[in-house]
Amino acid sequence: MYPVSDRFLARLAESHQVATQVQLFLTDGRVIDLEHTGGSVTVDRAQAVRRTCSVTVADPTLIPRSPSDQLSTYGARLRIARGVYYGDGTSELAPVGVFRLDSVDGDVNDGPVTLQGKDLSIIVADDKFTTAYKALGTVVSAITSIIQRSLPTADVISTIPSTAIGSRVFDVEADPWAACQEIAAAAGADVYANADGQFVIATLPDPLNTTPVWDVAAGEGGVYISANRGMTSDNVFNGVLARGENTSDNVAPVQYLAVDNDPGSPTYWNGPYGRRPMFYTSSTLITSGACQAAAQLKLAEAKAPNTTGDLSSLPNPALEPGDVLRITHPDTSRELHQVASFTVPLDEGGDFPIGTISAKEGS
């Protein structure tokens, strides 16, 4: 979760006035605070580009008529935040994303005008390779080189140990952001743009060994609104075989099979669910340890959790995918949920739907 004060989290459960900020960063260096009437930011770990935004403004004169107009889509960026007013003249904001402004449209006479954008990973994705590109070195150095090829001043933060990769040649027209994700998988990690517009290389935390960042409780003084549970077997796998073969580096083939080995899981490898493996191959995998890390990362995404859970609460803009929440239902049962996706509204009220990766019994 983005660092916020205890006062901020407590205020979310109280009646309060919502504070929002949308800043437009123009290519000439000017920064403009946009008066806006609504919108939202969607954050979804399952998408290659995690953060997308839509912002509504009332003034139709903001519709660009030429590339030099204030809201030109050529290079402009949006920085969006949401928070709370404390009623004593102070406020606290949590960033929810930095975006490339991709489109602006609306009624030229009466408005409103809608601005839409994607997080900064889209800049890397759109900068397709025009010549064959060879990635080598470590996971962190290879990803950093690709990101800074498109964004020379980008901050790249890694929380993983240095892991060597086999050289990998990406063809002309290949997607550099997909290349970053492939390389990160060699270390069992994800790579994404965070709420501050920085790029992060990190592993998904284990919910059972991670301190919950937020309590979502039913009842008076709680932020819980509703929840549902379920299970599905569509496109669900309980084993991943990761393989690496790199003839250009003269490295022998390596592989690792990761399976759901929890007898209490509905997708237990040796249980009634049956064996349903999927396969992942990359020349970046040059050791059995790298194959193991990649297989375990893929397995965490591919298998059905013990229970699935989607919930709705009062909005918390400081959340991040991977955060662990402690949920207390109206019947007082408690679970640990790990955040997968959510949508932050930029106006007052409204539910805050949270999709989860998994739900575990917890206290």
Protein backbone atom coordinates (compact mmCIF):
# COMPACT_ATOMS: atom_id res chain seq x y z
CA MET A 1 0.00 0.00 0.00
CA TYR A 2 1.17 3.51 -0.76
CA PRO A 3 2.48 5.08 2.47
CA VAL A 4 -0.32 7.06 4.13
CA SER A 5 -0.96 8.10 7.71
CA ASP A 6 -3.04 6.17 10.23
CA ARG A 7 -5.26 9.23 10.31
CA PHE A 8 -5.88 8.79 6.57
CA LEU A 9 -7.00 5.16 6.96
CA ALA A 10 -9.23 6.01 9.91
CA ARG A 11 -10.83 8.86 7.97
CA LEU A 12 -11.84 6.51 5.15
CA ALA A 13 -14.34 4.84 7.48
CA GLU A 14 -15.84 8.17 8.56
CA SER A 15 -18.07 10.61 6.78
CA HIS A 16 -15.66 12.88 4.92
CA GLN A 17 -15.23 15.12 1.92
CA VAL A 18 -13.24 13.50 -0.88
CA ALA A 19 -10.16 15.33 -2.16
CA THR A 20 -9.07 14.71 -5.75
CA GLN A 21 -6.41 16.22 -7.95
CA VAL A 22 -5.78 15.93 -11.69
CA GLN A 23 -2.67 17.64 -13.00
CA LEU A 24 -1.82 18.06 -16.67
CA PHE A 25 1.89 18.12 -17.51
CA LEU A 26 2.37 19.88 -20.83
CA THR A 27 5.33 19.33 -23.09
CA ASP A 28 6.45 22.94 -22.63
CA GLY A 29 6.98 22.39 -18.91
CA ARG A 30 3.77 23.93 -17.63
CA VAL A 31 1.67 22.10 -15.04
CA ILE A 32 -2.06 22.81 -14.95
CA ASP A 33 -4.55 21.72 -12.29
CA LEU A 34 -7.64 20.53 -14.15
CA GLU A 35 -11.07 21.17 -12.71
CA HIS A 36 -12.90 17.88 -13.21
CA THR A 37 -16.39 16.56 -12.59
CA GLY A 38 -15.71 12.84 -12.43
CA GLY A 39 -13.81 9.90 -13.78
CA SER A 40 -11.98 6.88 -12.48
CA VAL A 41 -8.68 5.04 -12.40
CA THR A 42 -8.71 1.28 -12.97
CA VAL A 43 -5.83 -0.82 -11.64
CA ASP A 44 -5.61 -4.45 -12.76
CA ARG A 45 -2.67 -6.76 -12.17
CA ALA A 46 -3.89 -9.11 -14.93
CA GLN A 47 -3.37 -6.48 -17.62
CA ALA A 48 0.02 -5.77 -19.23
CA VAL A 49 -0.65 -2.05 -18.71
CA ARG A 50 -1.88 -2.05 -15.09
CA ARG A 51 -3.33 1.44 -14.78
CA THR A 52 -5.77 3.25 -17.05
CA CYS A 53 -7.71 6.44 -16.42
CA SER A 54 -10.74 8.33 -17.60
CA VAL A 55 -11.30 11.93 -16.46
CA THR A 56 -14.33 14.13 -17.17
CA VAL A 57 -14.00 17.91 -17.41
CA ALA A 58 -16.82 20.35 -18.13
CA ASP A 59 -15.12 22.96 -20.32
CA PRO A 60 -15.50 22.14 -24.06
CA THR A 61 -12.86 24.73 -24.98
CA LEU A 62 -10.31 22.25 -23.72
CA ILE A 63 -10.89 20.01 -26.73
CA PRO A 64 -7.66 20.25 -28.76
CA ARG A 65 -7.91 21.76 -32.21
CA SER A 66 -4.22 21.43 -33.08
CA PRO A 67 -1.09 19.75 -31.68
CA SER A 68 -0.18 22.99 -29.93
CA ASP A 69 -3.43 23.16 -28.00
CA GLN A 70 -3.36 22.85 -24.21
CA LEU A 71 -4.67 19.32 -24.20
CA SER A 72 -2.66 18.06 -27.14
CA THR A 73 -2.31 14.31 -26.96
CA TYR A 74 1.25 14.50 -28.27
CA GLY A 75 3.42 13.99 -25.19
CA ALA A 76 1.16 15.36 -22.44
CA ARG A 77 0.80 13.44 -19.16
CA LEU A 78 -1.69 13.27 -16.34
CA ARG A 79 -0.93 12.80 -12.66
CA ILE A 80 -3.97 11.82 -10.61
CA ALA A 81 -4.48 11.55 -6.84
CA ARG A 82 -7.37 10.97 -4.46
CA GLY A 83 -7.57 11.48 -0.72
CA VAL A 84 -9.48 13.11 2.10
CA TYR A 85 -10.15 16.51 3.61
CA TYR A 86 -9.82 16.45 7.38
CA GLY A 87 -12.18 19.34 8.08
CA ASP A 88 -9.47 21.42 9.76
CA GLY A 89 -8.17 23.01 6.59
CA THR A 90 -5.78 20.19 5.81
CA SER A 91 -5.97 17.25 3.40
CA GLU A 92 -3.98 14.16 2.46
CA LEU A 93 -3.70 12.70 -1.04
CA ALA A 94 -2.51 9.33 -2.31
CA PRO A 95 -1.36 9.13 -5.95
CA VAL A 96 -3.27 6.71 -8.14
CA GLY A 97 -1.18 6.97 -11.29
CA VAL A 98 0.84 8.86 -13.86
CA PHE A 99 -0.55 8.48 -17.36
CA ARG A 100 0.24 9.27 -20.94
CA LEU A 101 -2.70 11.27 -22.28
CA ASP A 102 -4.02 9.23 -25.21
CA SER A 103 -7.33 10.78 -26.18
CA VAL A 104 -9.51 13.82 -25.60
CA ASP A 105 -13.06 14.05 -26.98
CA GLY A 106 -16.44 15.55 -26.25
CA ASP A 107 -19.22 17.85 -27.46
CA VAL A 108 -17.51 20.94 -28.86
CA ASN A 109 -20.41 23.18 -27.81
CA ASP A 110 -21.68 21.93 -24.48
CA GLY A 111 -19.13 19.38 -23.24
CA PRO A 112 -18.36 17.44 -21.19
CA VAL A 113 -14.90 16.40 -22.31
CA THR A 114 -13.40 12.99 -21.58
CA LEU A 115 -9.67 12.47 -21.19
CA GLN A 116 -8.28 8.94 -21.30
CA GLY A 117 -4.80 7.64 -20.61
CA LYS A 118 -2.62 4.65 -19.83
CA ASP A 119 0.27 4.35 -17.39
CA LEU A 120 3.84 4.93 -18.55
CA SER A 121 4.44 1.30 -19.45
CA ILE A 122 2.49 2.03 -22.64
CA ILE A 123 5.37 4.25 -23.79
CA VAL A 124 7.71 1.27 -23.56
CA ALA A 125 5.17 -1.02 -25.25
CA ASP A 126 4.62 1.33 -28.18
CA ASP A 127 8.35 1.77 -28.84
CA LYS A 128 8.54 -1.47 -30.84
CA PHE A 129 11.95 -2.81 -31.76
CA THR A 130 12.96 -1.61 -35.23
CA THR A 131 16.06 -3.83 -35.23
CA ALA A 132 16.69 -7.14 -33.52
CA TYR A 133 17.34 -6.48 -29.82
CA LYS A 134 19.54 -8.67 -27.63
CA ALA A 135 18.83 -8.70 -23.89
CA LEU A 136 21.49 -10.09 -21.59
CA GLY A 137 23.07 -9.68 -18.16
CA THR A 138 20.75 -9.87 -15.16
CA VAL A 139 17.01 -9.58 -14.86
CA VAL A 140 17.27 -6.09 -13.39
CA SER A 141 19.88 -4.73 -15.80
CA ALA A 142 18.13 -6.15 -18.86
CA ILE A 143 14.72 -4.73 -17.87
CA THR A 144 16.24 -1.38 -16.93
CA SER A 145 17.97 -1.12 -20.31
CA ILE A 146 14.74 -1.77 -22.19
CA ILE A 147 12.70 0.71 -20.12
CA GLN A 148 15.34 3.45 -20.32
CA ARG A 149 15.67 2.87 -24.04
CA SER A 150 12.22 4.51 -24.29
CA LEU A 151 12.27 6.62 -21.10
CA PRO A 152 15.90 7.60 -20.37
CA THR A 153 15.08 9.26 -17.03
CA ALA A 154 12.74 6.53 -15.75
CA ASP A 155 13.24 5.32 -12.19
CA VAL A 156 13.49 1.53 -12.00
CA ILE A 157 13.16 0.09 -8.49
CA SER A 158 13.98 -3.55 -7.84
CA THR A 159 13.20 -5.51 -4.69
CA ILE A 160 14.54 -8.83 -6.02
CA PRO A 161 18.07 -10.27 -5.89
CA SER A 162 20.21 -10.09 -9.00
CA THR A 163 19.53 -13.10 -11.25
CA ALA A 164 21.52 -13.86 -14.39
CA ILE A 165 19.59 -14.59 -17.59
CA GLY A 166 20.51 -16.23 -20.84
CA SER A 167 20.77 -13.91 -23.80
CA ARG A 168 17.45 -13.40 -25.56
CA VAL A 169 17.05 -11.88 -29.01
CA PHE A 170 13.76 -10.11 -29.64
CA ASP A 171 12.72 -9.72 -33.26
CA VAL A 172 11.86 -6.58 -35.20
CA GLU A 173 8.32 -5.40 -34.27
CA ALA A 174 8.44 -7.21 -30.91
CA ASP A 175 6.80 -5.50 -27.92
CA PRO A 176 9.49 -4.22 -25.50
CA TRP A 177 7.10 -4.22 -22.55
CA ALA A 178 6.21 -7.86 -23.18
CA ALA A 179 9.97 -8.47 -23.30
CA CYS A 180 10.33 -6.89 -19.85
CA GLN A 181 7.60 -9.12 -18.48
CA GLU A 182 9.20 -12.23 -19.95
CA ILE A 183 12.56 -11.34 -18.43
CA ALA A 184 10.99 -10.59 -15.03
CA ALA A 185 9.36 -14.02 -15.08
CA ALA A 186 12.85 -15.56 -15.18
CA ALA A 187 13.19 -14.38 -11.56
CA GLY A 188 9.62 -15.21 -10.58
CA ALA A 189 8.84 -11.49 -10.56
CA ASP A 190 6.48 -8.92 -12.03
CA VAL A 191 7.38 -5.58 -13.60
CA TYR A 192 4.93 -2.69 -13.60
CA ALA A 193 4.51 1.09 -13.35
CA ASN A 194 3.39 2.15 -9.88
CA ALA A 195 1.20 5.03 -8.68
CA ASP A 196 4.15 7.45 -8.76
CA GLY A 197 5.06 6.58 -12.35
CA GLN A 198 8.13 4.60 -11.28
CA PHE A 199 8.86 1.13 -12.63
CA VAL A 200 8.99 -1.67 -10.09
CA ILE A 201 10.43 -5.18 -10.33
CA ALA A 202 9.08 -7.28 -7.47
CA THR A 203 7.71 -10.67 -6.51
CA LEU A 204 4.13 -11.20 -5.41
CA PRO A 205 4.05 -11.47 -1.59
CA ASP A 206 2.80 -14.63 0.10
CA PRO A 207 -0.51 -13.66 1.76
CA LEU A 208 0.01 -16.09 4.64
CA ASN A 209 3.38 -14.56 5.50
CA THR A 210 2.51 -10.92 4.90
CA THR A 211 1.06 -8.46 7.41
CA PRO A 212 -2.33 -7.16 6.21
CA VAL A 213 -2.20 -3.49 5.26
CA TRP A 214 -5.91 -2.72 5.80
CA ASP A 215 -8.82 -4.11 7.79
CA VAL A 216 -12.09 -4.30 5.87
CA ALA A 217 -14.69 -4.98 8.54
CA ALA A 218 -18.48 -5.12 8.50
CA GLY A 219 -20.46 -3.26 11.10
CA GLU A 220 -20.37 0.18 12.65
CA GLY A 221 -17.13 2.02 11.91
CA GLY A 222 -16.12 -0.48 9.22
CA VAL A 223 -15.54 0.01 5.50
CA TYR A 224 -17.06 -3.31 4.34
CA ILE A 225 -19.99 -3.09 1.90
CA SER A 226 -20.43 -6.53 0.34
CA ALA A 227 -18.56 -9.66 -0.76
CA ASN A 228 -19.04 -12.79 -2.81
CA ARG A 229 -17.24 -16.10 -3.02
CA GLY A 230 -16.92 -18.78 -5.66
CA MET A 231 -14.70 -21.16 -7.58
CA THR A 232 -14.17 -21.78 -11.27
CA SER A 233 -12.18 -24.26 -13.31
CA ASP A 234 -12.21 -22.36 -16.60
CA ASN A 235 -8.63 -21.94 -17.85
CA VAL A 236 -7.33 -23.04 -14.48
CA PHE A 237 -4.10 -25.08 -14.30
CA ASN A 238 -2.51 -26.76 -11.30
CA GLY A 239 0.96 -27.31 -12.71
CA VAL A 240 3.46 -25.28 -14.72
CA LEU A 241 6.45 -26.75 -16.53
CA ALA A 242 8.99 -23.98 -17.17
CA ARG A 243 11.74 -24.81 -19.65
CA GLY A 244 14.84 -23.01 -20.84
CA GLU A 245 17.11 -23.81 -23.76
CA ASN A 246 19.73 -21.38 -25.02
CA THR A 247 21.89 -22.75 -27.82
CA SER A 248 23.44 -19.35 -28.56
CA ASP A 249 24.93 -19.30 -25.05
CA ASN A 250 25.79 -23.02 -25.23
CA VAL A 251 23.62 -23.72 -22.17
CA ALA A 252 22.13 -27.17 -21.65
CA PRO A 253 18.34 -27.41 -21.45
CA VAL A 254 16.85 -26.91 -17.98
CA GLN A 255 13.34 -27.29 -16.64
CA TYR A 256 11.23 -27.30 -13.48
CA LEU A 257 7.70 -28.51 -12.84
CA ALA A 258 5.81 -26.56 -10.17
CA VAL A 259 2.54 -28.08 -8.98
CA ASP A 260 -0.18 -27.28 -6.48
CA ASN A 261 1.02 -29.54 -3.66
CA ASP A 262 -1.47 -28.38 -1.02
CA PRO A 263 -3.77 -31.33 -0.19
CA GLY A 264 -6.33 -28.85 1.10
CA SER A 265 -6.54 -27.00 -2.21
CA PRO A 266 -9.36 -27.72 -4.67
CA THR A 267 -6.72 -27.85 -7.42
CA TYR A 268 -4.34 -30.23 -5.63
CA TRP A 269 -2.09 -31.91 -8.22
CA ASN A 270 -2.81 -35.41 -6.91
CA GLY A 271 -6.44 -34.72 -6.01
CA PRO A 272 -9.82 -35.19 -7.69
CA TYR A 273 -9.31 -32.06 -9.80
CA GLY A 274 -6.82 -34.06 -11.87
CA ARG A 275 -3.56 -32.96 -13.40
CA ARG A 276 -3.86 -29.95 -15.68
CA PRO A 277 -0.40 -28.61 -16.57
CA MET A 278 0.51 -25.57 -18.64
CA PHE A 279 3.89 -24.84 -20.22
CA TYR A 280 6.25 -21.85 -20.32
CA THR A 281 9.46 -21.64 -22.34
CA SER A 282 12.06 -18.86 -22.54
CA SER A 283 15.72 -18.73 -23.54
CA THR A 284 16.27 -16.38 -20.58
CA LEU A 285 15.95 -19.40 -18.27
CA ILE A 286 19.44 -20.87 -17.97
CA THR A 287 19.33 -22.53 -14.53
CA SER A 288 16.93 -24.88 -12.81
CA GLY A 289 16.53 -22.22 -10.10
CA ALA A 290 15.38 -19.69 -12.68
CA CYS A 291 12.96 -22.25 -14.10
CA GLN A 292 11.63 -22.90 -10.59
CA ALA A 293 11.05 -19.20 -9.92
CA ALA A 294 9.32 -18.72 -13.27
CA ALA A 295 7.16 -21.84 -12.83
CA GLN A 296 6.06 -20.83 -9.35
CA LEU A 297 5.14 -17.31 -10.52
CA LYS A 298 3.08 -18.69 -13.39
CA LEU A 299 1.46 -21.27 -11.13
CA ALA A 300 0.35 -18.62 -8.64
CA GLU A 301 -1.56 -16.93 -11.47
CA ALA A 302 -2.80 -20.08 -13.20
CA LYS A 303 -4.28 -22.11 -10.37
CA ALA A 304 -7.61 -21.58 -8.69
CA PRO A 305 -7.24 -20.31 -5.13
CA ASN A 306 -8.85 -22.15 -2.24
CA THR A 307 -11.68 -19.68 -2.64
CA THR A 308 -12.09 -16.74 -4.95
CA GLY A 309 -13.35 -13.54 -3.46
CA ASP A 310 -14.50 -10.20 -4.78
CA LEU A 311 -15.59 -7.52 -2.38
CA SER A 312 -16.77 -3.97 -2.26
CA SER A 313 -15.73 -1.43 0.34
CA LEU A 314 -15.46 2.27 0.88
CA PRO A 315 -12.73 3.58 -1.46
CA ASN A 316 -9.07 3.35 -0.47
CA PRO A 317 -6.90 4.97 -3.17
CA ALA A 318 -3.66 3.92 -1.46
CA LEU A 319 -4.07 0.22 -2.27
CA GLU A 320 -1.75 -1.63 -4.65
CA PRO A 321 -2.19 -5.01 -6.37
CA GLY A 322 -0.64 -7.68 -4.17
CA ASP A 323 -1.66 -5.97 -0.93
CA VAL A 324 -3.07 -8.32 1.68
CA LEU A 325 -6.36 -7.32 3.35
CA ARG A 326 -8.01 -8.73 6.46
CA ILE A 327 -11.73 -9.10 5.79
CA THR A 328 -14.31 -9.48 8.57
CA HIS A 329 -17.71 -10.53 7.23
CA PRO A 330 -21.05 -9.73 8.93
CA ASP A 331 -21.09 -13.24 10.41
CA THR A 332 -17.70 -12.38 12.05
CA SER A 333 -15.80 -14.92 9.91
CA ARG A 334 -12.41 -13.60 8.82
CA GLU A 335 -10.34 -14.08 5.70
CA LEU A 336 -7.12 -12.80 4.17
CA HIS A 337 -7.56 -11.50 0.65
CA GLN A 338 -4.84 -10.46 -1.79
CA VAL A 339 -5.69 -7.56 -4.08
CA ALA A 340 -5.73 -8.14 -7.84
CA SER A 341 -7.72 -5.19 -9.18
CA PHE A 342 -9.83 -2.21 -8.18
CA THR A 343 -11.30 1.00 -9.56
CA VAL A 344 -10.80 4.35 -7.83
CA PRO A 345 -13.62 6.85 -8.46
CA LEU A 346 -12.75 10.52 -8.83
CA ASP A 347 -16.01 11.77 -7.40
CA GLU A 348 -17.96 11.45 -4.17
CA GLY A 349 -19.59 8.20 -3.18
CA GLY A 350 -19.79 5.04 -5.17
CA ASP A 351 -18.71 1.50 -4.38
CA PHE A 352 -15.09 0.47 -4.51
CA PRO A 353 -14.99 -2.99 -6.12
CA ILE A 354 -11.88 -5.04 -5.30
CA GLY A 355 -11.02 -8.17 -7.25
CA THR A 356 -8.78 -10.59 -5.38
CA ILE A 357 -6.17 -13.13 -6.38
CA SER A 358 -7.06 -15.45 -3.57
CA ALA A 359 -8.81 -15.70 -0.25
CA LYS A 360 -7.49 -17.64 2.72
CA GLU A 361 -8.93 -18.26 6.13
CA GLY A 362 -7.18 -15.84 8.47
CA SER A 363 -7.36 -14.10 11.81
